[in-house]
Amino acid sequence: MEPIRPDVDAFILDLLEDRVFTSRDFAELPNGVCRLCSPVTHDLALTLPHWRMLMQPIAARLAQAFRESRLEQRAAPRILGADPVHSRRIRPVARHSPLVATPRKASQPRPYASKEWSAPRPEGLSLNPIACASCGEPVLKRRRRHCEECMPEVKRAHGIRAISAARKALAAQSLAGKDPRANREAGRKRGAANAEHHRRNREWARDHDQSAVRDRAWFLREVTPRLDVFSLVEIAKATGLSLAACSRFRVSSRVPHPRHWPAFCALVSVAIEGPESRSLTSPL
């Protein structure tokens, strides 16, 4: 590697300048050794043909030199360490690597590895962008198979498939007699929650004018498409609903009750104009 050391150093400097590394790109072993993780190792493996091309003439020259020295019968073989005085010396050899003995034990916690100590993790750019699985455009971000334009539609389709798979799994459990909903305690909690929701819906309908509320098509057109940039945890925290309900609302399979619309509009920064704003944004 030493003959191509300048090329390797230039490549490393360009890599450090162009790539944004995160803590996920490195792993610390129990003995203190740091290793590279994927996808950095995958990107580096793709550069092997370049280094093979640089090393090929050097390896060929060395092979030719060894062959010529082999063919010279007059050259006597040189034996290293033939001195009997030095050959009898016994040098101690370390049985274990010095990296094994580290100040920190493997069982001790690492406070700097916790979320409180972690810095923001910007998503680095890939050295070799792949093609989008939907449109064929290059994907600039790592760990993705779709570009930014296709991601909202892909997330929506993934959510619909997940909901369908969950319903099929629940139906299979019901046929097998292992329905988790067929429980007296679960039924009691479900009935109490439904009764509470109906009570809040009746209170909201009594205090608001139903004719002034926007329709379902407006919510699907103005609010639902903007929920794609938020995670389910963020939507649930802003609205107070469950993750399952937020998943249905984000993939357009359900529309929430109008009493939840102010929270969704505040999350996506959509203004409810006209008389609807006075009725929807009044205190519940």
Foldseek 3Di string as FASTA:
>chain_A
DVVCVVVVVVVVVVCVVAKADFPVQWDADQLGDIDGDPPVVVLVVVCVVVVCVVCVVVVVVVVVVVVVVVPPPVDDDDDPPPPVVVVPDDDDDDPDDPSNDDPDGSPDDDVCPDPVNGDDRDFIFGPDFFAAPPPGHTDGTPPDRHHPVCQLVVLLVVLVVVVVVVVVVQVVCVVVVNRPCPDPVNVVVVVVVVVVVVVVLVVLPVQFPPVLADDPVCCVVPQLSLCSVDDLVVLCVQQVDDSVVSSCSNSVVDDDDLLSVVSSCVVSVHADDDPNNVSNPDDD
